[in-house]
C-alpha cells in the first residue's frame, strides 16, 4: 500500500510540475522523496522516543511492538501532509517577469555643455 502511494507521489509530482512549466523530473523526485522521507523521519523520531523511555524511564520493552501500527499511521499522515505542502507550492504558477522597454538611447547633438 505504501509503495503504491509513493509511486503516486512521484507520478502526481511529475504531472503537476509539467502542467505549471517546471522541471517534471526534478519535481517528481522531490515529491516522492518528500513523501518517503517524512515517513522515515517520523518513524525514527517515534522509535527514538520509545527507546529512550525504555532505557531511562523503565517503560515496558514490548511497547515498541505494540505501537508499531500507530507509528506507521502517524508516519503516513506526516508523509501525506508534507506532500500536500509540496503540491500546494507546485499548484502556484510561477510568475514570469514582465520586461519593460529600455530607456531611449542618449542623443548627442555635438555641443558640449562644459
Protein backbone atom coordinates (compact mmCIF):
# COMPACT_ATOMS: atom_id res chain seq x y z
CA UNK A 1 0.00 0.00 0.00
CA UNK A 2 2.75 2.45 0.93
CA UNK A 3 4.69 1.65 -2.22
CA UNK A 4 1.59 2.39 -4.28
CA UNK A 5 1.19 5.77 -2.54
CA UNK A 6 4.88 6.53 -3.06
CA UNK A 7 4.57 5.78 -6.77
CA UNK A 8 1.52 8.04 -6.91
CA UNK A 9 3.54 10.80 -5.24
CA UNK A 10 6.18 10.54 -7.98
CA UNK A 11 3.55 10.48 -10.76
CA UNK A 12 1.43 13.34 -9.40
CA UNK A 13 4.55 15.43 -8.80
CA UNK A 14 5.56 14.87 -12.42
CA UNK A 15 2.13 15.85 -13.73
CA UNK A 16 1.81 18.95 -11.56
CA UNK A 17 5.29 20.18 -12.44
CA UNK A 18 4.72 19.63 -16.14
CA UNK A 19 1.40 21.47 -16.01
CA UNK A 20 2.95 24.55 -14.37
CA UNK A 21 6.04 24.65 -16.58
CA UNK A 22 8.58 23.41 -14.04
CA UNK A 23 11.12 20.62 -14.42
CA UNK A 24 8.96 17.47 -14.20
CA UNK A 25 11.73 15.00 -13.45
CA UNK A 26 13.21 17.02 -10.63
CA UNK A 27 9.86 17.79 -9.02
CA UNK A 28 8.81 14.18 -9.35
CA UNK A 29 11.84 13.18 -7.30
CA UNK A 30 11.23 15.96 -4.78
CA UNK A 31 7.61 14.88 -4.26
CA UNK A 32 8.39 11.18 -3.97
CA UNK A 33 11.29 11.59 -1.59
CA UNK A 34 9.39 14.14 0.49
CA UNK A 35 6.63 11.59 0.99
CA UNK A 36 9.05 8.78 1.85
CA UNK A 37 11.39 10.98 3.88
CA UNK A 38 8.65 12.31 6.13
CA UNK A 39 7.56 8.77 6.94
CA UNK A 40 11.10 7.69 7.72
CA UNK A 41 11.81 10.72 9.91
CA UNK A 42 8.60 10.32 11.91
CA UNK A 43 9.26 6.61 12.41
CA UNK A 44 12.84 7.25 13.56
CA UNK A 45 11.70 10.02 15.92
CA UNK A 46 8.98 7.86 17.48
CA UNK A 47 11.30 4.86 17.81
CA UNK A 48 13.93 7.08 19.44
CA UNK A 49 11.47 8.43 21.99
CA UNK A 50 10.29 4.92 22.81
CA UNK A 51 13.88 3.64 23.07
CA UNK A 52 14.81 6.49 25.42
CA UNK A 53 11.72 5.77 27.50
CA UNK A 54 12.59 2.09 27.73
CA UNK A 55 16.23 2.78 28.58
CA UNK A 56 15.93 5.63 31.06
CA UNK A 57 12.38 5.61 32.40
CA UNK A 58 11.68 1.90 32.71
CA UNK A 59 8.93 1.62 30.13
CA UNK A 60 7.91 -1.90 29.14
CA UNK A 61 10.05 -3.44 26.42
CA UNK A 62 7.11 -4.66 24.37
CA UNK A 63 5.91 -1.06 23.86
CA UNK A 64 7.70 -0.75 20.53
CA UNK A 65 5.86 -3.79 19.19
CA UNK A 66 2.51 -2.54 20.47
CA UNK A 67 2.97 0.89 18.86
CA UNK A 68 4.17 -0.47 15.51
CA UNK A 69 0.94 0.29 13.62
CA UNK A 70 0.14 3.65 15.27
CA UNK A 71 3.66 4.86 14.45
CA UNK A 72 3.19 3.67 10.86
CA UNK A 73 -0.10 5.53 10.56
CA UNK A 74 1.47 8.65 12.08
CA UNK A 75 4.29 8.41 9.51
CA UNK A 76 1.77 8.01 6.71
CA UNK A 77 -0.14 11.08 7.86
CA UNK A 78 3.10 13.07 8.06
CA UNK A 79 4.03 11.93 4.55
CA UNK A 80 0.66 12.97 3.15
CA UNK A 81 0.79 16.37 4.88
CA UNK A 82 4.32 17.05 3.61
CA UNK A 83 3.30 16.01 0.11
CA UNK A 84 0.28 18.31 0.22
CA UNK A 85 2.58 21.19 1.17
CA UNK A 86 4.80 20.48 -1.84
CA UNK A 87 1.72 20.13 -4.07
CA UNK A 88 0.39 23.49 -2.91
CA UNK A 89 3.69 25.04 -3.96
CA UNK A 90 3.54 23.25 -7.32
CA UNK A 91 -0.02 24.43 -7.96
CA UNK A 92 1.13 28.04 -7.98
CA UNK A 93 2.02 29.08 -11.49
CA UNK A 94 5.45 30.74 -11.49
CA UNK A 95 5.38 34.42 -12.22
CA UNK A 96 7.00 35.41 -15.46
CA UNK A 97 8.89 38.67 -15.05
CA UNK A 98 7.47 41.45 -17.18
CA UNK A 99 10.16 43.18 -19.14
CA UNK A 100 9.75 46.87 -19.75
CA UNK A 101 11.22 48.73 -22.66
CA UNK A 102 14.72 50.05 -22.05
CA UNK A 103 15.17 53.80 -21.97
CA UNK A 104 15.81 55.57 -25.22
CA UNK A 105 19.47 55.97 -26.13
CA UNK A 106 21.01 59.32 -25.36
CA UNK A 107 21.01 61.97 -28.04
CA UNK A 108 24.31 63.66 -28.78
CA UNK A 109 23.90 66.85 -30.75
CA UNK A 110 27.58 67.71 -30.82
CA UNK A 111 27.54 70.63 -28.38
CA UNK A 112 29.45 70.50 -25.13
CA UNK A 113 27.80 71.91 -22.05
CA UNK A 114 31.08 72.20 -20.20
